[in-house]
Amino acid sequence: MPYIARNTLAIISLVLGLFIGQVYVLNGLYNTCLTYSVLWLIEKYAEMFSKVSDNLFVFAFTIFGLMYWIALTLNQHPEFVVSMF
């Protein structure tokens, strides 16, 4: 399966999971799809950044900044993590 087709399938499945989780109030499905969507976006950011620049420090700083923001958000909203289990 080509690269574009795999990414399109990933986007469709993640959006469909988010939609179904929101409509049918399946918080675990919604939060899990949201988590994997963020991970997919981080992966695509890493792919695009590696093609544009070789500056590893800027990439590491932005990823660590994002991780710090995610940690603060999860600390303020622990129900997000609890609803996944």
Protein backbone atom coordinates (compact mmCIF):
# COMPACT_ATOMS: atom_id res chain seq x y z
CA MET A 1 0.00 0.00 0.00
CA PRO A 2 1.47 3.41 -0.94
CA TYR A 3 2.49 6.00 1.63
CA ILE A 4 -0.33 8.42 0.76
CA ALA A 5 -2.95 5.67 0.98
CA ARG A 6 -1.74 4.57 4.42
CA ASN A 7 -1.82 8.13 5.74
CA THR A 8 -5.25 8.74 4.25
CA LEU A 9 -6.52 5.56 5.89
CA ALA A 10 -5.03 6.67 9.21
CA ILE A 11 -6.69 10.09 8.99
CA ILE A 12 -10.06 8.58 8.06
CA SER A 13 -9.96 6.04 10.88
CA LEU A 14 -8.90 8.61 13.47
CA VAL A 15 -11.55 11.13 12.42
CA LEU A 16 -14.19 8.40 12.30
CA GLY A 17 -13.19 7.25 15.79
CA LEU A 18 -13.36 10.81 17.08
CA PHE A 19 -16.77 11.31 15.47
CA ILE A 20 -18.25 8.05 16.78
CA GLY A 21 -16.78 8.63 20.23
CA GLN A 22 -18.28 12.11 20.39
CA VAL A 23 -21.71 11.22 18.98
CA TYR A 24 -22.28 8.09 21.06
CA VAL A 25 -20.58 9.55 24.16
CA LEU A 26 -17.87 6.88 24.20
CA ASN A 27 -15.28 8.84 26.15
CA GLY A 28 -12.68 6.08 26.06
CA LEU A 29 -12.86 5.81 22.26
CA TYR A 30 -12.78 9.57 21.83
CA ASN A 31 -9.82 10.09 24.16
CA THR A 32 -7.87 7.18 22.68
CA CYS A 33 -8.41 8.47 19.14
CA LEU A 34 -7.42 11.95 20.26
CA THR A 35 -4.21 10.57 21.80
CA TYR A 36 -3.30 8.64 18.66
CA SER A 37 -4.14 11.70 16.55
CA VAL A 38 -1.64 13.76 18.52
CA LEU A 39 0.97 11.01 18.15
CA TRP A 40 0.31 10.84 14.40
CA LEU A 41 0.67 14.62 14.11
CA ILE A 42 3.97 14.50 16.01
CA GLU A 43 5.21 11.79 13.65
CA LYS A 44 4.24 13.85 10.58
CA TYR A 45 5.92 16.93 12.11
CA ALA A 46 9.10 14.90 12.55
CA GLU A 47 8.94 13.68 8.94
CA MET A 48 8.41 17.18 7.56
CA PHE A 49 11.04 18.75 9.79
CA SER A 50 13.66 16.18 8.78
CA LYS A 51 13.05 17.01 5.10
CA VAL A 52 13.25 20.78 5.63
CA SER A 53 16.07 21.17 8.15
CA ASP A 54 18.87 19.25 9.81
CA ASN A 55 18.81 21.36 12.97
CA LEU A 56 18.11 18.75 15.64
CA PHE A 57 18.10 21.28 18.49
CA VAL A 58 15.07 23.18 17.19
CA PHE A 59 13.22 19.93 16.63
CA ALA A 60 14.05 18.65 20.12
CA PHE A 61 13.07 21.97 21.72
CA THR A 62 9.68 22.05 20.02
CA ILE A 63 8.95 18.41 20.88
CA PHE A 64 9.97 18.91 24.52
CA GLY A 65 7.90 22.09 24.70
CA LEU A 66 4.90 20.18 23.36
CA MET A 67 5.49 17.34 25.83
CA TYR A 68 5.67 19.85 28.69
CA TRP A 69 2.37 21.43 27.62
CA ILE A 70 0.74 17.98 27.33
CA ALA A 71 1.99 17.03 30.82
CA LEU A 72 0.53 20.22 32.30
CA THR A 73 -2.78 19.64 30.52
CA LEU A 74 -3.00 16.03 31.71
CA ASN A 75 -2.15 17.13 35.24
CA GLN A 76 -5.09 19.57 35.18
CA HIS A 77 -7.46 17.01 33.59
CA PRO A 78 -6.73 13.54 35.03
CA GLU A 79 -10.16 12.30 33.95
CA PHE A 80 -8.82 12.16 30.40
CA VAL A 81 -6.35 9.42 31.34
CA VAL A 82 -8.81 7.63 33.63
CA SER A 83 -11.49 7.42 30.91
CA MET A 84 -9.13 5.50 28.62
CA PHE A 85 -9.02 2.57 31.03
